[in-house]
Amino acid sequence: MKELNVILSDFLRQHFYNIPLESPLFYNSSVGLRFELGMPNRGVEHASYFTNILLRSIMIFREIFDTDEQMLITIKRFRCIEPYKCSNQGEEVFPKYMKDKELIKQVSSIELKKHYEENGDLSGITYQHILLCNIKSIDYIGILKAKAHQDFAIEPYISDEVFFINLHKHIIFYMYDDRGMDLISESKGALLPIYEKYNSWILAYDKERIDNIFMS
């Protein structure tokens, strides 16, 4: 079997014209959806704020991933050379959110980029971690909940970028924080049912662009 980083690279090249797997994912793709997760006009002081985020993200996630279907989870994590300088790192996704802890042996990790201070000193390194698994072997609900908390440092929280990739449907799911979520695909047909079913959740700022994609 190919190494997971090769599978990911081949997938992005064949289906997404080799776009960068990074935020803002929606603007990197010609076909995509951007959903608002937090309740409009309601602040984080309301208990229902995070409840609504989790509900919306889970509902859309389950539209994309079937129980026994394999997916790639890709994590981008920045590590400080001097950890005390990075106070908002959050929890590591692997192995924290693995239901099957044996899967940690199957995680593929590579160094993506070195970061330097203005004086030339190394400040940190961005790593990419990839796992091939299915819904039953990962606590995806826990991951979505922790992503919603990232800007508030509410435990538990994840500050890493987490991409869920459906290799069969050619859809990438990316929740960037409590504000919203991006879905992209190589064809609008794969996302059209989600566009129609959850149309009222589409982020108003990008709705005109999205409508032009799916109504043309």
N, C-alpha and C. Protein backbone atom coordinates (compact mmCIF):
# COMPACT_ATOMS: atom_id res chain seq x y z
N MET A 1 0.84 -1.20 0.00
CA MET A 1 0.00 0.00 0.00
C MET A 1 0.88 1.26 0.00
N LYS A 2 0.43 2.29 -0.72
CA LYS A 2 1.17 3.54 -0.77
C LYS A 2 1.23 4.18 0.62
N GLU A 3 2.26 4.97 0.84
CA GLU A 3 2.33 5.74 2.07
C GLU A 3 1.19 6.76 2.07
N LEU A 4 0.71 7.10 3.26
CA LEU A 4 -0.46 7.97 3.36
C LEU A 4 -0.21 9.37 2.79
N ASN A 5 0.99 9.89 2.96
CA ASN A 5 1.27 11.22 2.40
C ASN A 5 1.25 11.18 0.87
N VAL A 6 1.59 10.04 0.29
CA VAL A 6 1.54 9.88 -1.17
C VAL A 6 0.08 9.76 -1.62
N ILE A 7 -0.73 9.00 -0.86
CA ILE A 7 -2.16 8.88 -1.16
C ILE A 7 -2.82 10.26 -1.13
N LEU A 8 -2.49 11.05 -0.10
CA LEU A 8 -3.05 12.40 0.01
C LEU A 8 -2.61 13.28 -1.15
N SER A 9 -1.34 13.26 -1.48
CA SER A 9 -0.82 14.09 -2.57
C SER A 9 -1.46 13.70 -3.90
N ASP A 10 -1.58 12.40 -4.14
CA ASP A 10 -2.20 11.93 -5.38
C ASP A 10 -3.66 12.34 -5.45
N PHE A 11 -4.36 12.25 -4.32
CA PHE A 11 -5.78 12.61 -4.26
C PHE A 11 -5.98 14.09 -4.57
N LEU A 12 -5.18 14.95 -3.96
CA LEU A 12 -5.30 16.39 -4.18
C LEU A 12 -4.94 16.76 -5.61
N ARG A 13 -3.97 16.10 -6.17
CA ARG A 13 -3.56 16.39 -7.55
C ARG A 13 -4.63 15.94 -8.56
N GLN A 14 -5.20 14.76 -8.34
CA GLN A 14 -6.16 14.20 -9.29
C GLN A 14 -7.53 14.86 -9.23
N HIS A 15 -7.95 15.29 -8.02
CA HIS A 15 -9.33 15.77 -7.85
C HIS A 15 -9.45 17.25 -7.50
N PHE A 16 -8.37 17.88 -7.07
CA PHE A 16 -8.46 19.27 -6.64
C PHE A 16 -7.34 20.15 -7.22
N TYR A 17 -6.77 19.73 -8.33
CA TYR A 17 -5.75 20.53 -9.02
C TYR A 17 -4.62 20.93 -8.08
N ASN A 18 -4.36 20.05 -7.11
CA ASN A 18 -3.24 20.22 -6.20
C ASN A 18 -3.34 21.50 -5.35
N ILE A 19 -4.56 21.86 -4.94
CA ILE A 19 -4.74 23.05 -4.11
C ILE A 19 -4.09 22.82 -2.74
N PRO A 20 -3.67 23.88 -2.09
CA PRO A 20 -3.09 23.72 -0.75
C PRO A 20 -4.16 23.31 0.26
N LEU A 21 -3.85 22.36 1.07
CA LEU A 21 -4.77 21.90 2.11
C LEU A 21 -4.54 22.79 3.34
N GLU A 22 -5.20 23.94 3.33
CA GLU A 22 -5.00 24.92 4.38
C GLU A 22 -6.18 25.89 4.39
N SER A 23 -6.26 26.65 5.46
CA SER A 23 -7.30 27.67 5.57
C SER A 23 -6.88 28.92 4.79
N PRO A 24 -7.83 29.56 4.07
CA PRO A 24 -9.27 29.28 3.96
C PRO A 24 -9.55 28.31 2.82
N LEU A 25 -9.98 27.11 3.14
CA LEU A 25 -10.16 26.05 2.16
C LEU A 25 -11.20 26.42 1.11
N PHE A 26 -12.29 27.06 1.53
CA PHE A 26 -13.38 27.41 0.62
C PHE A 26 -12.89 28.27 -0.54
N TYR A 27 -12.01 29.22 -0.26
CA TYR A 27 -11.52 30.12 -1.30
C TYR A 27 -10.43 29.50 -2.17
N ASN A 28 -9.93 28.35 -1.76
CA ASN A 28 -8.92 27.66 -2.56
C ASN A 28 -9.53 26.76 -3.62
N SER A 29 -10.85 26.53 -3.55
CA SER A 29 -11.52 25.58 -4.45
C SER A 29 -12.57 26.30 -5.29
N SER A 30 -12.80 25.78 -6.49
CA SER A 30 -13.81 26.36 -7.38
C SER A 30 -15.22 25.89 -7.02
N VAL A 31 -15.34 24.78 -6.29
CA VAL A 31 -16.64 24.26 -5.88
C VAL A 31 -16.63 24.03 -4.38
N GLY A 32 -17.50 24.73 -3.67
CA GLY A 32 -17.50 24.56 -2.22
C GLY A 32 -18.70 25.19 -1.55
N LEU A 33 -18.83 24.88 -0.28
CA LEU A 33 -19.87 25.44 0.57
C LEU A 33 -19.21 25.99 1.82
N ARG A 34 -19.76 27.08 2.34
CA ARG A 34 -19.27 27.62 3.61
C ARG A 34 -20.48 27.86 4.51
N PHE A 35 -20.50 27.16 5.64
CA PHE A 35 -21.64 27.21 6.54
C PHE A 35 -21.33 28.02 7.80
N GLU A 36 -22.35 28.72 8.27
CA GLU A 36 -22.28 29.39 9.56
C GLU A 36 -22.69 28.39 10.63
N LEU A 37 -21.89 28.27 11.68
CA LEU A 37 -22.18 27.30 12.73
C LEU A 37 -22.78 27.95 13.97
N GLY A 38 -22.19 29.05 14.42
CA GLY A 38 -22.73 29.75 15.58
C GLY A 38 -24.07 30.40 15.26
N MET A 39 -24.93 30.51 16.25
CA MET A 39 -26.25 31.11 16.05
C MET A 39 -26.12 32.61 15.82
N PRO A 40 -26.74 33.13 14.76
CA PRO A 40 -26.65 34.57 14.49
C PRO A 40 -27.21 35.39 15.66
N ASN A 41 -26.56 36.51 15.95
CA ASN A 41 -27.05 37.46 16.95
C ASN A 41 -27.14 36.86 18.36
N ARG A 42 -26.33 35.85 18.62
CA ARG A 42 -26.32 35.28 19.97
C ARG A 42 -24.88 35.02 20.37
N GLY A 43 -24.45 35.60 21.46
CA GLY A 43 -23.06 35.52 21.86
C GLY A 43 -22.71 34.24 22.58
N VAL A 44 -21.43 34.09 22.84
CA VAL A 44 -20.91 32.87 23.46
C VAL A 44 -21.33 32.73 24.92
N GLU A 45 -21.87 33.79 25.48
CA GLU A 45 -22.32 33.69 26.88
C GLU A 45 -23.57 32.83 27.01
N HIS A 46 -24.25 32.55 25.90
CA HIS A 46 -25.43 31.70 25.93
C HIS A 46 -25.01 30.23 25.79
N ALA A 47 -25.54 29.37 26.61
CA ALA A 47 -25.18 27.95 26.57
C ALA A 47 -25.52 27.33 25.22
N SER A 48 -26.56 27.84 24.59
CA SER A 48 -27.01 27.26 23.32
C SER A 48 -26.04 27.55 22.18
N TYR A 49 -25.12 28.49 22.36
CA TYR A 49 -24.20 28.85 21.29
C TYR A 49 -23.36 27.64 20.86
N PHE A 50 -22.68 27.01 21.80
CA PHE A 50 -21.83 25.86 21.48
C PHE A 50 -22.65 24.62 21.16
N THR A 51 -23.82 24.49 21.77
CA THR A 51 -24.71 23.37 21.46
C THR A 51 -25.12 23.41 20.00
N ASN A 52 -25.43 24.59 19.51
CA ASN A 52 -25.86 24.74 18.12
C ASN A 52 -24.71 24.46 17.15
N ILE A 53 -23.51 24.89 17.51
CA ILE A 53 -22.34 24.63 16.67
C ILE A 53 -22.13 23.13 16.52
N LEU A 54 -22.17 22.42 17.63
CA LEU A 54 -21.93 20.98 17.60
C LEU A 54 -23.02 20.27 16.82
N LEU A 55 -24.27 20.66 17.02
CA LEU A 55 -25.38 20.03 16.31
C LEU A 55 -25.24 20.20 14.80
N ARG A 56 -24.97 21.42 14.37
CA ARG A 56 -24.86 21.67 12.93
C ARG A 56 -23.68 20.91 12.32
N SER A 57 -22.54 20.93 12.99
CA SER A 57 -21.36 20.28 12.45
C SER A 57 -21.53 18.77 12.38
N ILE A 58 -22.16 18.18 13.38
CA ILE A 58 -22.40 16.73 13.36
C ILE A 58 -23.36 16.34 12.25
N MET A 59 -24.43 17.11 12.08
CA MET A 59 -25.41 16.79 11.05
C MET A 59 -24.80 16.82 9.65
N ILE A 60 -23.98 17.81 9.39
CA ILE A 60 -23.35 17.90 8.07
C ILE A 60 -22.29 16.81 7.92
N PHE A 61 -21.54 16.55 8.97
CA PHE A 61 -20.52 15.48 8.93
C PHE A 61 -21.16 14.15 8.54
N ARG A 62 -22.29 13.85 9.13
CA ARG A 62 -22.95 12.56 8.88
C ARG A 62 -23.56 12.48 7.48
N GLU A 63 -23.75 13.61 6.84
CA GLU A 63 -24.20 13.60 5.45
C GLU A 63 -23.08 13.14 4.52
N ILE A 64 -21.85 13.30 4.97
CA ILE A 64 -20.69 13.05 4.10
C ILE A 64 -20.05 11.70 4.35
N PHE A 65 -19.99 11.28 5.61
CA PHE A 65 -19.24 10.07 5.96
C PHE A 65 -20.16 8.98 6.47
N ASP A 66 -20.14 7.83 5.80
CA ASP A 66 -20.88 6.66 6.23
C ASP A 66 -20.09 5.91 7.30
N THR A 67 -20.78 5.13 8.11
CA THR A 67 -20.17 4.48 9.26
C THR A 67 -18.96 3.64 8.92
N ASP A 68 -19.03 2.84 7.86
CA ASP A 68 -17.95 1.92 7.53
C ASP A 68 -17.03 2.44 6.44
N GLU A 69 -17.24 3.67 6.02
CA GLU A 69 -16.47 4.22 4.93
C GLU A 69 -15.13 4.75 5.42
N GLN A 70 -14.07 4.42 4.69
CA GLN A 70 -12.74 4.89 5.08
C GLN A 70 -12.57 6.36 4.71
N MET A 71 -11.84 7.06 5.55
CA MET A 71 -11.53 8.46 5.29
C MET A 71 -10.11 8.74 5.73
N LEU A 72 -9.57 9.81 5.19
CA LEU A 72 -8.27 10.31 5.64
C LEU A 72 -8.50 11.46 6.60
N ILE A 73 -7.87 11.43 7.74
CA ILE A 73 -7.85 12.58 8.63
C ILE A 73 -6.45 13.17 8.54
N THR A 74 -6.39 14.43 8.17
CA THR A 74 -5.10 15.11 8.02
C THR A 74 -5.02 16.25 9.03
N ILE A 75 -3.97 16.25 9.83
CA ILE A 75 -3.76 17.24 10.88
C ILE A 75 -2.54 18.08 10.54
N LYS A 76 -2.68 19.40 10.66
CA LYS A 76 -1.52 20.27 10.56
C LYS A 76 -1.31 20.91 11.92
N ARG A 77 -0.14 20.66 12.50
CA ARG A 77 0.15 21.12 13.87
C ARG A 77 1.48 21.85 13.91
N PHE A 78 1.45 23.03 14.53
CA PHE A 78 2.67 23.82 14.72
C PHE A 78 3.26 23.51 16.10
N ARG A 79 4.54 23.23 16.13
CA ARG A 79 5.23 22.97 17.39
C ARG A 79 6.30 24.03 17.61
N CYS A 80 6.23 24.69 18.76
CA CYS A 80 7.23 25.69 19.13
C CYS A 80 8.53 25.02 19.56
N ILE A 81 9.63 25.62 19.17
CA ILE A 81 10.92 25.15 19.68
C ILE A 81 11.02 25.41 21.18
N GLU A 82 10.47 26.55 21.60
CA GLU A 82 10.40 26.88 23.02
C GLU A 82 8.93 26.92 23.41
N PRO A 83 8.39 25.82 23.94
CA PRO A 83 6.94 25.69 24.19
C PRO A 83 6.33 26.81 25.02
N TYR A 84 7.10 27.42 25.91
CA TYR A 84 6.52 28.46 26.77
C TYR A 84 6.09 29.69 25.96
N LYS A 85 6.60 29.81 24.72
CA LYS A 85 6.22 30.94 23.87
C LYS A 85 4.89 30.71 23.15
N CYS A 86 4.39 29.48 23.19
CA CYS A 86 3.13 29.14 22.51
C CYS A 86 2.14 28.62 23.56
N SER A 87 1.35 29.51 24.09
CA SER A 87 0.44 29.14 25.18
C SER A 87 -0.88 28.57 24.69
N ASN A 88 -1.19 28.71 23.39
CA ASN A 88 -2.50 28.31 22.88
C ASN A 88 -2.38 27.13 21.92
N GLN A 89 -1.65 26.11 22.31
CA GLN A 89 -1.42 24.96 21.44
C GLN A 89 -2.61 23.99 21.41
N GLY A 90 -3.31 23.86 22.51
CA GLY A 90 -4.43 22.93 22.55
C GLY A 90 -3.97 21.48 22.59
N GLU A 91 -4.95 20.58 22.61
CA GLU A 91 -4.65 19.16 22.67
C GLU A 91 -4.22 18.61 21.31
N GLU A 92 -3.45 17.54 21.35
CA GLU A 92 -3.12 16.83 20.11
C GLU A 92 -4.28 15.89 19.77
N VAL A 93 -4.64 15.85 18.49
CA VAL A 93 -5.76 15.02 18.05
C VAL A 93 -5.42 13.53 18.21
N PHE A 94 -4.19 13.18 17.81
CA PHE A 94 -3.75 11.79 17.94
C PHE A 94 -2.80 11.69 19.13
N PRO A 95 -2.99 10.76 20.05
CA PRO A 95 -4.01 9.69 20.08
C PRO A 95 -5.26 10.04 20.89
N LYS A 96 -5.36 11.29 21.37
CA LYS A 96 -6.45 11.69 22.27
C LYS A 96 -7.82 11.26 21.77
N TYR A 97 -8.11 11.46 20.47
CA TYR A 97 -9.46 11.20 19.95
C TYR A 97 -9.56 9.91 19.15
N MET A 98 -8.61 9.01 19.36
CA MET A 98 -8.70 7.68 18.75
C MET A 98 -9.44 6.75 19.70
N LYS A 99 -10.50 6.12 19.23
CA LYS A 99 -11.16 5.09 20.03
C LYS A 99 -10.33 3.82 20.03
N ASP A 100 -9.69 3.53 18.91
CA ASP A 100 -8.80 2.39 18.80
C ASP A 100 -7.37 2.92 18.91
N LYS A 101 -6.78 2.80 20.08
CA LYS A 101 -5.46 3.36 20.34
C LYS A 101 -4.36 2.68 19.52
N GLU A 102 -4.64 1.48 19.01
CA GLU A 102 -3.65 0.80 18.18
C GLU A 102 -3.41 1.55 16.87
N LEU A 103 -4.33 2.41 16.48
CA LEU A 103 -4.20 3.15 15.24
C LEU A 103 -3.05 4.14 15.26
N ILE A 104 -2.56 4.48 16.45
CA ILE A 104 -1.46 5.43 16.53
C ILE A 104 -0.24 4.92 15.76
N LYS A 105 -0.11 3.60 15.65
CA LYS A 105 1.01 3.01 14.91
C LYS A 105 0.89 3.26 13.41
N GLN A 106 -0.32 3.59 12.95
CA GLN A 106 -0.55 3.77 11.52
C GLN A 106 -0.52 5.23 11.08
N VAL A 107 -0.33 6.14 12.02
CA VAL A 107 -0.27 7.56 11.68
C VAL A 107 1.02 7.86 10.93
N SER A 108 0.88 8.55 9.80
CA SER A 108 2.03 8.97 9.02
C SER A 108 2.32 10.43 9.33
N SER A 109 3.56 10.74 9.70
CA SER A 109 3.92 12.11 10.08
C SER A 109 5.11 12.60 9.26
N ILE A 110 4.99 13.83 8.75
CA ILE A 110 6.08 14.43 8.00
C ILE A 110 6.24 15.90 8.42
N GLU A 111 7.44 16.40 8.24
CA GLU A 111 7.70 17.81 8.50
C GLU A 111 7.32 18.61 7.26
N LEU A 112 6.49 19.66 7.44
CA LEU A 112 6.06 20.48 6.32
C LEU A 112 6.88 21.74 6.14
N LYS A 113 7.15 22.44 7.24
CA LYS A 113 7.79 23.74 7.12
C LYS A 113 8.48 24.15 8.41
N LYS A 114 9.65 24.75 8.28
CA LYS A 114 10.35 25.34 9.40
C LYS A 114 10.04 26.84 9.45
N HIS A 115 9.87 27.36 10.66
CA HIS A 115 9.57 28.78 10.85
C HIS A 115 10.72 29.43 11.62
N TYR A 116 11.09 30.65 11.19
CA TYR A 116 12.26 31.30 11.77
C TYR A 116 11.90 32.69 12.32
N GLU A 117 12.63 33.08 13.36
CA GLU A 117 12.53 34.43 13.89
C GLU A 117 13.23 35.40 12.94
N GLU A 118 13.03 36.69 13.15
CA GLU A 118 13.68 37.69 12.30
C GLU A 118 15.20 37.61 12.40
N ASN A 119 15.70 37.14 13.53
CA ASN A 119 17.16 37.03 13.70
C ASN A 119 17.72 35.73 13.13
N GLY A 120 16.85 34.91 12.53
CA GLY A 120 17.29 33.67 11.91
C GLY A 120 17.18 32.44 12.78
N ASP A 121 16.81 32.62 14.05
CA ASP A 121 16.66 31.47 14.95
C ASP A 121 15.39 30.69 14.59
N LEU A 122 15.49 29.38 14.70
CA LEU A 122 14.33 28.52 14.45
C LEU A 122 13.30 28.72 15.55
N SER A 123 12.05 29.08 15.17
CA SER A 123 11.01 29.32 16.17
C SER A 123 10.05 28.15 16.31
N GLY A 124 9.85 27.38 15.22
CA GLY A 124 8.92 26.25 15.28
C GLY A 124 8.87 25.50 13.98
N ILE A 125 8.15 24.39 14.02
CA ILE A 125 8.03 23.53 12.84
C ILE A 125 6.57 23.11 12.69
N THR A 126 6.06 23.16 11.46
CA THR A 126 4.72 22.65 11.18
C THR A 126 4.83 21.21 10.68
N TYR A 127 4.08 20.33 11.33
CA TYR A 127 4.06 18.92 10.95
C TYR A 127 2.69 18.55 10.38
N GLN A 128 2.69 17.54 9.53
CA GLN A 128 1.45 16.99 9.00
C GLN A 128 1.32 15.54 9.46
N HIS A 129 0.18 15.21 10.06
CA HIS A 129 -0.10 13.85 10.52
C HIS A 129 -1.32 13.33 9.77
N ILE A 130 -1.23 12.12 9.25
CA ILE A 130 -2.32 11.56 8.44
C ILE A 130 -2.69 10.18 8.96
N LEU A 131 -3.99 9.92 9.01
CA LEU A 131 -4.50 8.61 9.43
C LEU A 131 -5.61 8.16 8.49
N LEU A 132 -5.57 6.90 8.08
CA LEU A 132 -6.65 6.28 7.31
C LEU A 132 -7.49 5.46 8.28
N CYS A 133 -8.79 5.80 8.41
CA CYS A 133 -9.64 5.12 9.38
C CYS A 133 -11.10 5.27 8.97
N ASN A 134 -12.02 4.90 9.87
CA ASN A 134 -13.44 5.13 9.63
C ASN A 134 -14.06 5.78 10.87
N ILE A 135 -15.32 6.15 10.76
CA ILE A 135 -16.00 6.87 11.84
C ILE A 135 -15.95 6.11 13.16
N LYS A 136 -16.09 4.79 13.10
CA LYS A 136 -16.19 4.00 14.32
C LYS A 136 -14.89 3.99 15.14
N SER A 137 -13.78 4.31 14.50
CA SER A 137 -12.50 4.22 15.19
C SER A 137 -11.97 5.57 15.66
N ILE A 138 -12.76 6.65 15.44
CA ILE A 138 -12.31 7.99 15.83
C ILE A 138 -13.46 8.72 16.53
N ASP A 139 -13.14 9.52 17.52
CA ASP A 139 -14.14 10.31 18.22
C ASP A 139 -14.30 11.64 17.48
N TYR A 140 -14.99 11.61 16.35
CA TYR A 140 -15.13 12.81 15.54
C TYR A 140 -15.98 13.86 16.24
N ILE A 141 -16.94 13.43 17.06
CA ILE A 141 -17.76 14.39 17.79
C ILE A 141 -16.90 15.17 18.78
N GLY A 142 -16.00 14.47 19.44
CA GLY A 142 -15.08 15.13 20.36
C GLY A 142 -14.18 16.13 19.65
N ILE A 143 -13.74 15.79 18.44
CA ILE A 143 -12.89 16.68 17.66
C ILE A 143 -13.65 17.94 17.28
N LEU A 144 -14.89 17.78 16.81
CA LEU A 144 -15.70 18.93 16.41
C LEU A 144 -15.97 19.84 17.61
N LYS A 145 -16.25 19.26 18.75
CA LYS A 145 -16.51 20.04 19.96
C LYS A 145 -15.26 20.83 20.36
N ALA A 146 -14.09 20.18 20.30
CA ALA A 146 -12.85 20.84 20.68
C ALA A 146 -12.47 21.94 19.69
N LYS A 147 -12.79 21.77 18.41
CA LYS A 147 -12.52 22.82 17.42
C LYS A 147 -13.38 24.05 17.71
N ALA A 148 -14.61 23.84 18.14
CA ALA A 148 -15.50 24.97 18.46
C ALA A 148 -14.95 25.79 19.62
N HIS A 149 -14.15 25.17 20.47
CA HIS A 149 -13.62 25.84 21.66
C HIS A 149 -12.29 26.55 21.43
N GLN A 150 -11.69 26.38 20.27
CA GLN A 150 -10.28 26.75 20.11
C GLN A 150 -9.98 28.22 20.38
N ASP A 151 -10.86 29.13 20.00
CA ASP A 151 -10.58 30.55 20.17
C ASP A 151 -10.90 31.05 21.58
N PHE A 152 -11.43 30.16 22.42
CA PHE A 152 -11.83 30.55 23.76
C PHE A 152 -11.03 29.85 24.84
N ALA A 153 -10.14 28.92 24.40
CA ALA A 153 -9.33 28.12 25.34
C ALA A 153 -10.20 27.44 26.38
N ILE A 154 -11.40 27.04 25.97
CA ILE A 154 -12.29 26.27 26.84
C ILE A 154 -11.92 24.80 26.69
N GLU A 155 -11.63 24.13 27.76
CA GLU A 155 -11.25 22.72 27.70
C GLU A 155 -12.45 21.84 27.35
N PRO A 156 -12.24 20.85 26.47
CA PRO A 156 -11.03 20.63 25.67
C PRO A 156 -11.05 21.50 24.41
N TYR A 157 -9.87 21.84 23.91
CA TYR A 157 -9.84 22.59 22.66
C TYR A 157 -8.66 22.14 21.79
N ILE A 158 -8.85 22.32 20.47
CA ILE A 158 -7.84 21.94 19.49
C ILE A 158 -7.52 23.18 18.66
N SER A 159 -6.25 23.52 18.56
CA SER A 159 -5.85 24.64 17.73
C SER A 159 -5.29 24.21 16.37
N ASP A 160 -5.10 22.90 16.20
CA ASP A 160 -4.59 22.38 14.92
C ASP A 160 -5.64 22.49 13.82
N GLU A 161 -5.20 22.52 12.57
CA GLU A 161 -6.11 22.41 11.43
C GLU A 161 -6.41 20.94 11.22
N VAL A 162 -7.70 20.59 11.14
CA VAL A 162 -8.13 19.19 11.00
C VAL A 162 -8.99 19.07 9.74
N PHE A 163 -8.56 18.22 8.81
CA PHE A 163 -9.27 18.01 7.55
C PHE A 163 -9.75 16.56 7.49
N PHE A 164 -11.05 16.37 7.28
CA PHE A 164 -11.62 15.04 7.08
C PHE A 164 -11.86 14.87 5.58
N ILE A 165 -11.32 13.80 5.00
CA ILE A 165 -11.35 13.64 3.55
C ILE A 165 -12.06 12.33 3.17
N ASN A 166 -13.14 12.46 2.40
CA ASN A 166 -13.84 11.29 1.87
C ASN A 166 -13.22 10.95 0.52
N LEU A 167 -12.47 9.86 0.48
CA LEU A 167 -11.74 9.49 -0.73
C LEU A 167 -12.65 8.98 -1.83
N HIS A 168 -13.83 8.47 -1.45
CA HIS A 168 -14.77 7.93 -2.43
C HIS A 168 -15.66 9.02 -3.04
N LYS A 169 -16.20 9.89 -2.19
CA LYS A 169 -17.09 10.95 -2.67
C LYS A 169 -16.33 12.19 -3.13
N HIS A 170 -15.03 12.22 -2.84
CA HIS A 170 -14.17 13.34 -3.23
C HIS A 170 -14.66 14.64 -2.59
N ILE A 171 -14.85 14.58 -1.28
CA ILE A 171 -15.28 15.73 -0.50
C ILE A 171 -14.31 15.94 0.66
N ILE A 172 -13.97 17.20 0.92
CA ILE A 172 -13.13 17.54 2.06
C ILE A 172 -13.95 18.40 3.03
N PHE A 173 -13.95 18.01 4.30
CA PHE A 173 -14.70 18.67 5.37
C PHE A 173 -13.69 19.36 6.27
N TYR A 174 -13.90 20.66 6.48
CA TYR A 174 -12.95 21.42 7.30
C TYR A 174 -13.71 22.43 8.16
N MET A 175 -13.72 22.20 9.46
CA MET A 175 -14.29 23.15 10.42
C MET A 175 -13.15 24.03 10.91
N TYR A 176 -13.20 25.32 10.57
CA TYR A 176 -12.06 26.17 10.90
C TYR A 176 -12.10 26.71 12.33
N ASP A 177 -13.29 26.95 12.89
CA ASP A 177 -13.45 27.31 14.29
C ASP A 177 -14.94 27.39 14.59
N ASP A 178 -15.31 28.09 15.67
CA ASP A 178 -16.73 28.13 16.04
C ASP A 178 -17.58 28.87 15.02
N ARG A 179 -16.97 29.71 14.21
CA ARG A 179 -17.74 30.52 13.26
C ARG A 179 -18.27 29.72 12.09
N GLY A 180 -17.47 28.77 11.58
CA GLY A 180 -17.95 28.11 10.39
C GLY A 180 -17.17 26.90 9.92
N MET A 181 -17.62 26.39 8.78
CA MET A 181 -17.10 25.15 8.23
C MET A 181 -17.09 25.24 6.71
N ASP A 182 -16.05 24.65 6.10
CA ASP A 182 -15.95 24.59 4.65
C ASP A 182 -16.09 23.15 4.17
N LEU A 183 -16.83 22.97 3.08
CA LEU A 183 -16.88 21.71 2.35
C LEU A 183 -16.46 22.01 0.93
N ILE A 184 -15.57 21.21 0.37
CA ILE A 184 -15.22 21.39 -1.03
C ILE A 184 -15.28 20.05 -1.74
N SER A 185 -15.48 20.10 -3.06
CA SER A 185 -15.52 18.89 -3.87
C SER A 185 -15.05 19.24 -5.27
N GLU A 186 -14.77 18.21 -6.06
CA GLU A 186 -14.35 18.46 -7.44
C GLU A 186 -15.55 18.74 -8.34
N SER A 187 -16.76 18.40 -7.90
CA SER A 187 -17.95 18.62 -8.71
C SER A 187 -19.10 19.09 -7.83
N LYS A 188 -19.95 19.94 -8.36
CA LYS A 188 -21.05 20.46 -7.56
C LYS A 188 -22.11 19.37 -7.30
N GLY A 189 -22.14 18.33 -8.12
CA GLY A 189 -23.10 17.25 -7.92
C GLY A 189 -22.93 16.56 -6.58
N ALA A 190 -21.69 16.46 -6.12
CA ALA A 190 -21.43 15.79 -4.83
C ALA A 190 -21.95 16.59 -3.66
N LEU A 191 -22.01 17.92 -3.80
CA LEU A 191 -22.43 18.79 -2.70
C LEU A 191 -23.84 19.34 -2.88
N LEU A 192 -24.44 19.13 -4.04
CA LEU A 192 -25.76 19.71 -4.31
C LEU A 192 -26.82 19.31 -3.29
N PRO A 193 -26.92 18.02 -2.89
CA PRO A 193 -27.93 17.66 -1.88
C PRO A 193 -27.72 18.39 -0.55
N ILE A 194 -26.47 18.62 -0.18
CA ILE A 194 -26.18 19.33 1.07
C ILE A 194 -26.51 20.81 0.92
N TYR A 195 -26.21 21.36 -0.24
CA TYR A 195 -26.56 22.76 -0.54
C TYR A 195 -28.06 22.97 -0.41
N GLU A 196 -28.84 22.05 -0.94
CA GLU A 196 -30.29 22.19 -0.92
C GLU A 196 -30.86 21.96 0.48
N LYS A 197 -30.34 20.97 1.19
CA LYS A 197 -30.89 20.59 2.49
C LYS A 197 -30.55 21.60 3.58
N TYR A 198 -29.35 22.17 3.53
CA TYR A 198 -28.89 23.07 4.59
C TYR A 198 -28.66 24.49 4.05
N ASN A 199 -29.44 24.87 3.08
CA ASN A 199 -29.26 26.17 2.43
C ASN A 199 -29.35 27.34 3.40
N SER A 200 -30.21 27.22 4.39
CA SER A 200 -30.41 28.32 5.33
C SER A 200 -29.21 28.52 6.26
N TRP A 201 -28.29 27.56 6.30
CA TRP A 201 -27.11 27.67 7.14
C TRP A 201 -25.92 28.28 6.41
N ILE A 202 -26.03 28.49 5.11
CA ILE A 202 -24.91 29.02 4.34
C ILE A 202 -24.55 30.43 4.84
N LEU A 203 -23.26 30.67 4.98
CA LEU A 203 -22.79 31.95 5.47
C LEU A 203 -23.23 33.06 4.51
N ALA A 204 -23.90 34.07 5.05
CA ALA A 204 -24.48 35.13 4.22
C ALA A 204 -23.43 35.83 3.36
N TYR A 205 -22.24 36.03 3.90
CA TYR A 205 -21.19 36.76 3.19
C TYR A 205 -20.84 36.09 1.86
N ASP A 206 -20.89 34.76 1.82
CA ASP A 206 -20.48 34.01 0.63
C ASP A 206 -21.67 33.41 -0.14
N LYS A 207 -22.90 33.73 0.28
CA LYS A 207 -24.06 33.06 -0.31
C LYS A 207 -24.22 33.35 -1.80
N GLU A 208 -24.00 34.58 -2.21
CA GLU A 208 -24.15 34.91 -3.63
C GLU A 208 -23.19 34.09 -4.49
N ARG A 209 -21.96 34.00 -4.05
CA ARG A 209 -20.97 33.20 -4.79
C ARG A 209 -21.39 31.73 -4.83
N ILE A 210 -21.85 31.20 -3.69
CA ILE A 210 -22.25 29.79 -3.63
C ILE A 210 -23.47 29.53 -4.49
N ASP A 211 -24.47 30.42 -4.43
CA ASP A 211 -25.66 30.27 -5.26
C ASP A 211 -25.31 30.27 -6.73
N ASN A 212 -24.36 31.09 -7.13
CA ASN A 212 -23.94 31.13 -8.54
C ASN A 212 -23.33 29.81 -8.98
N ILE A 213 -22.66 29.13 -8.06
CA ILE A 213 -22.06 27.82 -8.36
C ILE A 213 -23.13 26.76 -8.55
N PHE A 214 -24.07 26.69 -7.60
CA PHE A 214 -25.00 25.56 -7.55
C PHE A 214 -26.31 25.81 -8.32
N MET A 215 -26.57 27.03 -8.74
CA MET A 215 -27.79 27.31 -9.48
C MET A 215 -27.54 27.54 -10.95
N SER A 216 -26.27 27.45 -11.36
CA SER A 216 -25.94 27.68 -12.76
C SER A 216 -26.09 26.40 -13.58
